[in-house]
Amino acid sequence: MRIVLAMCNGLLAASLLVWPGVMLMAVFLIDAPQSTRMPGTVALGASVMLYPVVVIAAQVLFWTTFRRGGGTPRKLLQATLAGVAAPALVVVLAVVNFA
């Protein structure tokens, strides 16, 4: 279980490599007139820009717990789910905003 969670966190950390491109495209969310008055668009833009903050904080929490060796699978799973919250929020806001 610990190894599977470590691999999931590794993939989550690798997603930060894609983030700069997505962030540059997120600038175009507010390109159209009146788009800043739409709360869904603003929320999506903010979640994209704050994405690395949540992911890095969850990674620090996970890996410090993992390396100490005292992390139970439940604590490691909680740290992993905290990191997955950022991509899940971006996907949900994108679906709601563009559906």
PDB file of N, CA and C in Angstrom:
ATOM      1  N   MET A   1       0.825  -1.189   0.000  1.00  0.00           N
ATOM      2  CA  MET A   1       0.000   0.000   0.000  1.00  0.00           C
ATOM      3  C   MET A   1       0.873   1.258   0.000  1.00  0.00           C
ATOM      4  N   ARG A   2       1.930   1.242   0.793  1.00  0.00           N
ATOM      5  CA  ARG A   2       2.817   2.399   0.859  1.00  0.00           C
ATOM      6  C   ARG A   2       3.469   2.678  -0.496  1.00  0.00           C
ATOM      7  N   ILE A   3       3.853   1.622  -1.198  1.00  0.00           N
ATOM      8  CA  ILE A   3       4.518   1.795  -2.492  1.00  0.00           C
ATOM      9  C   ILE A   3       3.538   2.337  -3.532  1.00  0.00           C
ATOM     10  N   VAL A   4       2.310   1.855  -3.517  1.00  0.00           N
ATOM     11  CA  VAL A   4       1.290   2.340  -4.457  1.00  0.00           C
ATOM     12  C   VAL A   4       1.014   3.821  -4.213  1.00  0.00           C
ATOM     13  N   LEU A   5       0.892   4.200  -2.955  1.00  0.00           N
ATOM     14  CA  LEU A   5       0.667   5.613  -2.637  1.00  0.00           C
ATOM     15  C   LEU A   5       1.873   6.464  -3.025  1.00  0.00           C
ATOM     16  N   ALA A   6       3.065   5.923  -2.867  1.00  0.00           N
ATOM     17  CA  ALA A   6       4.268   6.658  -3.276  1.00  0.00           C
ATOM     18  C   ALA A   6       4.281   6.866  -4.791  1.00  0.00           C
ATOM     19  N   MET A   7       3.864   5.856  -5.541  1.00  0.00           N
ATOM     20  CA  MET A   7       3.808   6.011  -6.998  1.00  0.00           C
ATOM     21  C   MET A   7       2.740   7.026  -7.400  1.00  0.00           C
ATOM     22  N   CYS A   8       1.604   7.016  -6.719  1.00  0.00           N
ATOM     23  CA  CYS A   8       0.552   8.005  -6.997  1.00  0.00           C
ATOM     24  C   CYS A   8       1.058   9.423  -6.723  1.00  0.00           C
ATOM     25  N   ASN A   9       1.798   9.588  -5.643  1.00  0.00           N
ATOM     26  CA  ASN A   9       2.344  10.900  -5.322  1.00  0.00           C
ATOM     27  C   ASN A   9       3.442  11.294  -6.303  1.00  0.00           C
ATOM     28  N   GLY A  10       4.171  10.334  -6.802  1.00  0.00           N
ATOM     29  CA  GLY A  10       5.164  10.631  -7.836  1.00  0.00           C
ATOM     30  C   GLY A  10       4.505  11.154  -9.107  1.00  0.00           C
ATOM     31  N   LEU A  11       3.398  10.534  -9.499  1.00  0.00           N
ATOM     32  CA  LEU A  11       2.648  11.018 -10.666  1.00  0.00           C
ATOM     33  C   LEU A  11       2.055  12.399 -10.412  1.00  0.00           C
ATOM     34  N   LEU A  12       1.601  12.594  -9.199  1.00  0.00           N
ATOM     35  CA  LEU A  12       1.047  13.901  -8.836  1.00  0.00           C
ATOM     36  C   LEU A  12       2.130  14.983  -8.893  1.00  0.00           C
ATOM     37  N   ALA A  13       3.306  14.642  -8.427  1.00  0.00           N
ATOM     38  CA  ALA A  13       4.417  15.600  -8.504  1.00  0.00           C
ATOM     39  C   ALA A  13       4.827  15.841  -9.956  1.00  0.00           C
ATOM     40  N   ALA A  14       4.758  14.805 -10.784  1.00  0.00           N
ATOM     41  CA  ALA A  14       5.098  14.965 -12.199  1.00  0.00           C
ATOM     42  C   ALA A  14       4.095  15.861 -12.921  1.00  0.00           C
ATOM     43  N   SER A  15       2.880  15.945 -12.393  1.00  0.00           N
ATOM     44  CA  SER A  15       1.885  16.817 -13.027  1.00  0.00           C
ATOM     45  C   SER A  15       2.284  18.287 -12.941  1.00  0.00           C
ATOM     46  N   LEU A  16       3.185  18.599 -12.039  1.00  0.00           N
ATOM     47  CA  LEU A  16       3.661  19.987 -11.941  1.00  0.00           C
ATOM     48  C   LEU A  16       4.476  20.391 -13.169  1.00  0.00           C
ATOM     49  N   LEU A  17       4.970  19.417 -13.925  1.00  0.00           N
ATOM     50  CA  LEU A  17       5.709  19.728 -15.150  1.00  0.00           C
ATOM     51  C   LEU A  17       4.781  20.271 -16.235  1.00  0.00           C
ATOM     52  N   VAL A  18       3.525  19.889 -16.200  1.00  0.00           N
ATOM     53  CA  VAL A  18       2.547  20.330 -17.190  1.00  0.00           C
ATOM     54  C   VAL A  18       1.920  21.659 -16.786  1.00  0.00           C
ATOM     55  N   TRP A  19       1.957  21.958 -15.512  1.00  0.00           N
ATOM     56  CA  TRP A  19       1.267  23.128 -14.985  1.00  0.00           C
ATOM     57  C   TRP A  19       1.640  24.451 -15.656  1.00  0.00           C
ATOM     58  N   PRO A  20       2.903  24.745 -15.964  1.00  0.00           N
ATOM     59  CA  PRO A  20       3.188  26.058 -16.575  1.00  0.00           C
ATOM     60  C   PRO A  20       2.441  26.286 -17.886  1.00  0.00           C
ATOM     61  N   GLY A  21       2.333  25.248 -18.708  1.00  0.00           N
ATOM     62  CA  GLY A  21       1.589  25.394 -19.958  1.00  0.00           C
ATOM     63  C   GLY A  21       0.114  25.634 -19.726  1.00  0.00           C
ATOM     64  N   VAL A  22      -0.457  24.920 -18.779  1.00  0.00           N
ATOM     65  CA  VAL A  22      -1.873  25.100 -18.454  1.00  0.00           C
ATOM     66  C   VAL A  22      -2.103  26.483 -17.868  1.00  0.00           C
ATOM     67  N   MET A  23      -1.175  26.942 -17.051  1.00  0.00           N
ATOM     68  CA  MET A  23      -1.322  28.263 -16.446  1.00  0.00           C
ATOM     69  C   MET A  23      -1.255  29.361 -17.512  1.00  0.00           C
ATOM     70  N   LEU A  24      -0.398  29.183 -18.496  1.00  0.00           N
ATOM     71  CA  LEU A  24      -0.326  30.174 -19.567  1.00  0.00           C
ATOM     72  C   LEU A  24      -1.615  30.191 -20.392  1.00  0.00           C
ATOM     73  N   MET A  25      -2.227  29.024 -20.562  1.00  0.00           N
ATOM     74  CA  MET A  25      -3.499  28.980 -21.290  1.00  0.00           C
ATOM     75  C   MET A  25      -4.650  29.527 -20.442  1.00  0.00           C
ATOM     76  N   ALA A  26      -4.521  29.437 -19.122  1.00  0.00           N
ATOM     77  CA  ALA A  26      -5.584  29.922 -18.246  1.00  0.00           C
ATOM     78  C   ALA A  26      -5.734  31.438 -18.318  1.00  0.00           C
ATOM     79  N   VAL A  27      -4.714  32.120 -18.779  1.00  0.00           N
ATOM     80  CA  VAL A  27      -4.803  33.569 -18.938  1.00  0.00           C
ATOM     81  C   VAL A  27      -5.910  33.912 -19.932  1.00  0.00           C
ATOM     82  N   PHE A  28      -6.145  33.040 -20.900  1.00  0.00           N
ATOM     83  CA  PHE A  28      -7.160  33.311 -21.913  1.00  0.00           C
ATOM     84  C   PHE A  28      -8.581  33.117 -21.391  1.00  0.00           C
ATOM     85  N   LEU A  29      -8.725  32.606 -20.178  1.00  0.00           N
ATOM     86  CA  LEU A  29     -10.058  32.503 -19.584  1.00  0.00           C
ATOM     87  C   LEU A  29     -10.670  33.878 -19.358  1.00  0.00           C
ATOM     88  N   ILE A  30      -9.840  34.843 -19.059  1.00  0.00           N
ATOM     89  CA  ILE A  30     -10.348  36.186 -18.777  1.00  0.00           C
ATOM     90  C   ILE A  30     -10.113  37.128 -19.949  1.00  0.00           C
ATOM     91  N   ASP A  31      -9.862  36.566 -21.138  1.00  0.00           N
ATOM     92  CA  ASP A  31      -9.587  37.367 -22.320  1.00  0.00           C
ATOM     93  C   ASP A  31     -10.852  38.011 -22.885  1.00  0.00           C
ATOM     94  N   ALA A  32     -11.945  37.314 -22.819  1.00  0.00           N
ATOM     95  CA  ALA A  32     -13.187  37.826 -23.398  1.00  0.00           C
ATOM     96  C   ALA A  32     -13.791  38.903 -22.497  1.00  0.00           C
ATOM     97  N   PRO A  33     -14.483  39.841 -23.117  1.00  0.00           N
ATOM     98  CA  PRO A  33     -15.166  40.850 -22.302  1.00  0.00           C
ATOM     99  C   PRO A  33     -16.233  40.195 -21.416  1.00  0.00           C
ATOM    100  N   GLN A  34     -16.422  40.727 -20.272  1.00  0.00           N
ATOM    101  CA  GLN A  34     -17.415  40.258 -19.294  1.00  0.00           C
ATOM    102  C   GLN A  34     -17.073  38.902 -18.671  1.00  0.00           C
ATOM    103  N   SER A  35     -15.952  38.300 -19.020  1.00  0.00           N
ATOM    104  CA  SER A  35     -15.638  36.981 -18.467  1.00  0.00           C
ATOM    105  C   SER A  35     -15.217  37.064 -17.002  1.00  0.00           C
ATOM    106  N   THR A  36     -14.732  38.203 -16.575  1.00  0.00           N
ATOM    107  CA  THR A  36     -14.343  38.332 -15.171  1.00  0.00           C
ATOM    108  C   THR A  36     -15.561  38.462 -14.253  1.00  0.00           C
ATOM    109  N   ARG A  37     -16.726  38.652 -14.828  1.00  0.00           N
ATOM    110  CA  ARG A  37     -17.948  38.724 -14.024  1.00  0.00           C
ATOM    111  C   ARG A  37     -18.575  37.350 -13.811  1.00  0.00           C
ATOM    112  N   MET A  38     -18.028  36.334 -14.462  1.00  0.00           N
ATOM    113  CA  MET A  38     -18.551  34.971 -14.316  1.00  0.00           C
ATOM    114  C   MET A  38     -17.776  34.269 -13.209  1.00  0.00           C
ATOM    115  N   PRO A  39     -18.425  33.919 -12.089  1.00  0.00           N
ATOM    116  CA  PRO A  39     -17.705  33.339 -10.954  1.00  0.00           C
ATOM    117  C   PRO A  39     -17.055  31.995 -11.271  1.00  0.00           C
ATOM    118  N   GLY A  40     -17.651  31.218 -12.158  1.00  0.00           N
ATOM    119  CA  GLY A  40     -17.060  29.930 -12.513  1.00  0.00           C
ATOM    120  C   GLY A  40     -15.724  30.094 -13.223  1.00  0.00           C
ATOM    121  N   THR A  41     -15.646  31.081 -14.086  1.00  0.00           N
ATOM    122  CA  THR A  41     -14.405  31.342 -14.813  1.00  0.00           C
ATOM    123  C   THR A  41     -13.320  31.842 -13.878  1.00  0.00           C
ATOM    124  N   VAL A  42     -13.684  32.719 -12.988  1.00  0.00           N
ATOM    125  CA  VAL A  42     -12.708  33.240 -12.025  1.00  0.00           C
ATOM    126  C   VAL A  42     -12.229  32.127 -11.096  1.00  0.00           C
ATOM    127  N   ALA A  43     -13.146  31.271 -10.656  1.00  0.00           N
ATOM    128  CA  ALA A  43     -12.776  30.160  -9.779  1.00  0.00           C
ATOM    129  C   ALA A  43     -11.861  29.175 -10.498  1.00  0.00           C
ATOM    130  N   LEU A  44     -12.148  28.904 -11.767  1.00  0.00           N
ATOM    131  CA  LEU A  44     -11.282  28.003 -12.531  1.00  0.00           C
ATOM    132  C   LEU A  44      -9.894  28.605 -12.699  1.00  0.00           C
ATOM    133  N   GLY A  45      -9.818  29.876 -13.019  1.00  0.00           N
ATOM    134  CA  GLY A  45      -8.519  30.528 -13.161  1.00  0.00           C
ATOM    135  C   GLY A  45      -7.731  30.536 -11.860  1.00  0.00           C
ATOM    136  N   ALA A  46      -8.411  30.800 -10.760  1.00  0.00           N
ATOM    137  CA  ALA A  46      -7.734  30.812  -9.459  1.00  0.00           C
ATOM    138  C   ALA A  46      -7.266  29.419  -9.069  1.00  0.00           C
ATOM    139  N   SER A  47      -8.084  28.403  -9.356  1.00  0.00           N
ATOM    140  CA  SER A  47      -7.672  27.042  -8.991  1.00  0.00           C
ATOM    141  C   SER A  47      -6.490  26.574  -9.829  1.00  0.00           C
ATOM    142  N   VAL A  48      -6.423  27.007 -11.077  1.00  0.00           N
ATOM    143  CA  VAL A  48      -5.267  26.648 -11.911  1.00  0.00           C
ATOM    144  C   VAL A  48      -4.014  27.346 -11.399  1.00  0.00           C
ATOM    145  N   MET A  49      -4.136  28.598 -11.030  1.00  0.00           N
ATOM    146  CA  MET A  49      -2.960  29.332 -10.580  1.00  0.00           C
ATOM    147  C   MET A  49      -2.475  28.896  -9.203  1.00  0.00           C
ATOM    148  N   LEU A  50      -3.378  28.433  -8.346  1.00  0.00           N
ATOM    149  CA  LEU A  50      -2.991  27.973  -7.012  1.00  0.00           C
ATOM    150  C   LEU A  50      -2.717  26.477  -6.954  1.00  0.00           C
ATOM    151  N   TYR A  51      -2.804  25.805  -8.082  1.00  0.00           N
ATOM    152  CA  TYR A  51      -2.594  24.363  -8.157  1.00  0.00           C
ATOM    153  C   TYR A  51      -1.273  23.903  -7.524  1.00  0.00           C
ATOM    154  N   PRO A  52      -0.137  24.522  -7.851  1.00  0.00           N
ATOM    155  CA  PRO A  52       1.115  24.018  -7.288  1.00  0.00           C
ATOM    156  C   PRO A  52       1.232  24.202  -5.779  1.00  0.00           C
ATOM    157  N   VAL A  53       0.563  25.193  -5.231  1.00  0.00           N
ATOM    158  CA  VAL A  53       0.635  25.405  -3.781  1.00  0.00           C
ATOM    159  C   VAL A  53       0.066  24.196  -3.044  1.00  0.00           C
ATOM    160  N   VAL A  54      -1.098  23.741  -3.481  1.00  0.00           N
ATOM    161  CA  VAL A  54      -1.741  22.598  -2.839  1.00  0.00           C
ATOM    162  C   VAL A  54      -0.943  21.320  -3.077  1.00  0.00           C
ATOM    163  N   VAL A  55      -0.487  21.124  -4.296  1.00  0.00           N
ATOM    164  CA  VAL A  55       0.236  19.893  -4.624  1.00  0.00           C
ATOM    165  C   VAL A  55       1.565  19.831  -3.875  1.00  0.00           C
ATOM    166  N   ILE A  56       2.293  20.910  -3.821  1.00  0.00           N
ATOM    167  CA  ILE A  56       3.586  20.907  -3.125  1.00  0.00           C
ATOM    168  C   ILE A  56       3.391  20.718  -1.624  1.00  0.00           C
ATOM    169  N   ALA A  57       2.392  21.360  -1.048  1.00  0.00           N
ATOM    170  CA  ALA A  57       2.135  21.175   0.382  1.00  0.00           C
ATOM    171  C   ALA A  57       1.777  19.718   0.684  1.00  0.00           C
ATOM    172  N   ALA A  58       0.969  19.105  -0.161  1.00  0.00           N
ATOM    173  CA  ALA A  58       0.611  17.701   0.047  1.00  0.00           C
ATOM    174  C   ALA A  58       1.818  16.792  -0.159  1.00  0.00           C
ATOM    175  N   GLN A  59       2.683  17.139  -1.098  1.00  0.00           N
ATOM    176  CA  GLN A  59       3.883  16.332  -1.331  1.00  0.00           C
ATOM    177  C   GLN A  59       4.829  16.394  -0.132  1.00  0.00           C
ATOM    178  N   VAL A  60       4.999  17.567   0.411  1.00  0.00           N
ATOM    179  CA  VAL A  60       5.857  17.708   1.596  1.00  0.00           C
ATOM    180  C   VAL A  60       5.286  16.897   2.753  1.00  0.00           C
ATOM    181  N   LEU A  61       3.988  16.996   2.951  1.00  0.00           N
ATOM    182  CA  LEU A  61       3.348  16.232   4.015  1.00  0.00           C
ATOM    183  C   LEU A  61       3.509  14.730   3.796  1.00  0.00           C
ATOM    184  N   PHE A  62       3.271  14.273   2.580  1.00  0.00           N
ATOM    185  CA  PHE A  62       3.365  12.838   2.293  1.00  0.00           C
ATOM    186  C   PHE A  62       4.782  12.329   2.474  1.00  0.00           C
ATOM    187  N   TRP A  63       5.751  13.003   1.849  1.00  0.00           N
ATOM    188  CA  TRP A  63       7.112  12.458   1.849  1.00  0.00           C
ATOM    189  C   TRP A  63       7.778  12.562   3.211  1.00  0.00           C
ATOM    190  N   THR A  64       7.458  13.570   4.000  1.00  0.00           N
ATOM    191  CA  THR A  64       8.023  13.602   5.354  1.00  0.00           C
ATOM    192  C   THR A  64       7.439  12.481   6.205  1.00  0.00           C
ATOM    193  N   THR A  65       6.161  12.219   6.035  1.00  0.00           N
ATOM    194  CA  THR A  65       5.536  11.100   6.758  1.00  0.00           C
ATOM    195  C   THR A  65       6.083   9.772   6.263  1.00  0.00           C
ATOM    196  N   PHE A  66       6.267   9.642   4.968  1.00  0.00           N
ATOM    197  CA  PHE A  66       6.754   8.395   4.364  1.00  0.00           C
ATOM    198  C   PHE A  66       8.184   8.085   4.806  1.00  0.00           C
ATOM    199  N   ARG A  67       9.033   9.091   4.817  1.00  0.00           N
ATOM    200  CA  ARG A  67      10.449   8.861   5.148  1.00  0.00           C
ATOM    201  C   ARG A  67      10.684   8.577   6.625  1.00  0.00           C
ATOM    202  N   ARG A  68       9.818   9.079   7.456  1.00  0.00           N
ATOM    203  CA  ARG A  68       9.972   8.789   8.883  1.00  0.00           C
ATOM    204  C   ARG A  68       9.672   7.326   9.185  1.00  0.00           C
ATOM    205  N   GLY A  69       8.959   6.678   8.292  1.00  0.00           N
ATOM    206  CA  GLY A  69       8.654   5.272   8.469  1.00  0.00           C
ATOM    207  C   GLY A  69       7.519   5.006   9.433  1.00  0.00           C
ATOM    208  N   GLY A  70       7.090   6.012  10.162  1.00  0.00           N
ATOM    209  CA  GLY A  70       6.032   5.825  11.135  1.00  0.00           C
ATOM    210  C   GLY A  70       4.660   6.121  10.570  1.00  0.00           C
ATOM    211  N   GLY A  71       4.641   6.509   9.285  1.00  0.00           N
ATOM    212  CA  GLY A  71       3.366   6.863   8.681  1.00  0.00           C
ATOM    213  C   GLY A  71       2.517   5.639   8.418  1.00  0.00           C
ATOM    214  N   THR A  72       1.371   5.607   9.015  1.00  0.00           N
ATOM    215  CA  THR A  72       0.459   4.508   8.753  1.00  0.00           C
ATOM    216  C   THR A  72      -0.137   4.697   7.358  1.00  0.00           C
ATOM    217  N   PRO A  73      -0.609   3.617   6.758  1.00  0.00           N
ATOM    218  CA  PRO A  73      -1.226   3.775   5.432  1.00  0.00           C
ATOM    219  C   PRO A  73      -2.390   4.771   5.429  1.00  0.00           C
ATOM    220  N   ARG A  74      -3.081   4.897   6.556  1.00  0.00           N
ATOM    221  CA  ARG A  74      -4.188   5.846   6.617  1.00  0.00           C
ATOM    222  C   ARG A  74      -3.681   7.295   6.530  1.00  0.00           C
ATOM    223  N   LYS A  75      -2.611   7.610   7.244  1.00  0.00           N
ATOM    224  CA  LYS A  75      -2.046   8.961   7.180  1.00  0.00           C
ATOM    225  C   LYS A  75      -1.498   9.256   5.789  1.00  0.00           C
ATOM    226  N   LEU A  76      -0.864   8.250   5.185  1.00  0.00           N
ATOM    227  CA  LEU A  76      -0.332   8.439   3.839  1.00  0.00           C
ATOM    228  C   LEU A  76      -1.459   8.624   2.826  1.00  0.00           C
ATOM    229  N   LEU A  77      -2.543   7.893   3.000  1.00  0.00           N
ATOM    230  CA  LEU A  77      -3.687   8.044   2.110  1.00  0.00           C
ATOM    231  C   LEU A  77      -4.316   9.425   2.266  1.00  0.00           C
ATOM    232  N   GLN A  78      -4.380   9.935   3.481  1.00  0.00           N
ATOM    233  CA  GLN A  78      -4.924  11.277   3.703  1.00  0.00           C
ATOM    234  C   GLN A  78      -4.067  12.335   3.014  1.00  0.00           C
ATOM    235  N   ALA A  79      -2.754  12.181   3.087  1.00  0.00           N
ATOM    236  CA  ALA A  79      -1.865  13.138   2.421  1.00  0.00           C
ATOM    237  C   ALA A  79      -2.008  13.043   0.908  1.00  0.00           C
ATOM    238  N   THR A  80      -2.182  11.834   0.402  1.00  0.00           N
ATOM    239  CA  THR A  80      -2.369  11.658  -1.040  1.00  0.00           C
ATOM    240  C   THR A  80      -3.680  12.288  -1.494  1.00  0.00           C
ATOM    241  N   LEU A  81      -4.743  12.065  -0.742  1.00  0.00           N
ATOM    242  CA  LEU A  81      -6.033  12.645  -1.109  1.00  0.00           C
ATOM    243  C   LEU A  81      -6.015  14.169  -1.020  1.00  0.00           C
ATOM    244  N   ALA A  82      -5.231  14.712  -0.108  1.00  0.00           N
ATOM    245  CA  ALA A  82      -5.088  16.169  -0.035  1.00  0.00           C
ATOM    246  C   ALA A  82      -4.427  16.701  -1.299  1.00  0.00           C
ATOM    247  N   GLY A  83      -3.481  15.967  -1.835  1.00  0.00           N
ATOM    248  CA  GLY A  83      -2.829  16.380  -3.075  1.00  0.00           C
ATOM    249  C   GLY A  83      -3.710  16.203  -4.290  1.00  0.00           C
ATOM    250  N   VAL A  84      -4.560  15.200  -4.281  1.00  0.00           N
ATOM    251  CA  VAL A  84      -5.452  14.936  -5.405  1.00  0.00           C
ATOM    252  C   VAL A  84      -6.603  15.938  -5.433  1.00  0.00           C
ATOM    253  N   ALA A  85      -6.820  16.637  -4.343  1.00  0.00           N
ATOM    254  CA  ALA A  85      -7.907  17.615  -4.283  1.00  0.00           C
ATOM    255  C   ALA A  85      -7.714  18.728  -5.308  1.00  0.00           C
ATOM    256  N   ALA A  86      -6.487  19.147  -5.551  1.00  0.00           N
ATOM    257  CA  ALA A  86      -6.244  20.241  -6.495  1.00  0.00           C
ATOM    258  C   ALA A  86      -6.599  19.849  -7.927  1.00  0.00           C
ATOM    259  N   PRO A  87      -6.090  18.713  -8.446  1.00  0.00           N
ATOM    260  CA  PRO A  87      -6.501  18.358  -9.809  1.00  0.00           C
ATOM    261  C   PRO A  87      -7.995  18.068  -9.920  1.00  0.00           C
ATOM    262  N   ALA A  88      -8.577  17.495  -8.876  1.00  0.00           N
ATOM    263  CA  ALA A  88     -10.011  17.202  -8.913  1.00  0.00           C
ATOM    264  C   ALA A  88     -10.816  18.497  -8.983  1.00  0.00           C
ATOM    265  N   LEU A  89     -10.396  19.500  -8.240  1.00  0.00           N
ATOM    266  CA  LEU A  89     -11.089  20.786  -8.266  1.00  0.00           C
ATOM    267  C   LEU A  89     -10.995  21.433  -9.637  1.00  0.00           C
ATOM    268  N   VAL A  90      -9.824  21.386 -10.254  1.00  0.00           N
ATOM    269  CA  VAL A  90      -9.655  21.966 -11.585  1.00  0.00           C
ATOM    270  C   VAL A  90     -10.550  21.253 -12.594  1.00  0.00           C
ATOM    271  N   VAL A  91     -10.595  19.924 -12.536  1.00  0.00           N
ATOM    272  CA  VAL A  91     -11.423  19.166 -13.480  1.00  0.00           C
ATOM    273  C   VAL A  91     -12.904  19.458 -13.263  1.00  0.00           C
ATOM    274  N   VAL A  92     -13.340  19.469 -12.008  1.00  0.00           N
ATOM    275  CA  VAL A  92     -14.752  19.734 -11.728  1.00  0.00           C
ATOM    276  C   VAL A  92     -15.139  21.140 -12.186  1.00  0.00           C
ATOM    277  N   LEU A  93     -14.313  22.116 -11.897  1.00  0.00           N
ATOM    278  CA  LEU A  93     -14.634  23.480 -12.325  1.00  0.00           C
ATOM    279  C   LEU A  93     -14.624  23.614 -13.844  1.00  0.00           C
ATOM    280  N   ALA A  94     -13.728  22.912 -14.514  1.00  0.00           N
ATOM    281  CA  ALA A  94     -13.697  22.966 -15.979  1.00  0.00           C
ATOM    282  C   ALA A  94     -14.945  22.330 -16.576  1.00  0.00           C
ATOM    283  N   VAL A  95     -15.367  21.206 -16.013  1.00  0.00           N
ATOM    284  CA  VAL A  95     -16.574  20.546 -16.516  1.00  0.00           C
ATOM    285  C   VAL A  95     -17.805  21.409 -16.273  1.00  0.00           C
ATOM    286  N   VAL A  96     -17.914  21.957 -15.077  1.00  0.00           N
ATOM    287  CA  VAL A  96     -19.082  22.788 -14.752  1.00  0.00           C
ATOM    288  C   VAL A  96     -19.071  24.072 -15.582  1.00  0.00           C
ATOM    289  N   ASN A  97     -17.897  24.630 -15.781  1.00  0.00           N
ATOM    290  CA  ASN A  97     -17.790  25.906 -16.481  1.00  0.00           C
ATOM    291  C   ASN A  97     -18.062  25.770 -17.975  1.00  0.00           C
ATOM    292  N   PHE A  98     -17.645  24.674 -18.575  1.00  0.00           N
ATOM    293  CA  PHE A  98     -17.750  24.536 -20.022  1.00  0.00           C
ATOM    294  C   PHE A  98     -18.842  23.568 -20.462  1.00  0.00           C
ATOM    295  N   ALA A  99     -19.621  23.057 -19.521  1.00  0.00           N
ATOM    296  CA  ALA A  99     -20.695  22.124 -19.915  1.00  0.00           C
ATOM    297  C   ALA A  99     -21.953  22.856 -20.284  1.00  0.00           C
TER     298      ALA A  99
END
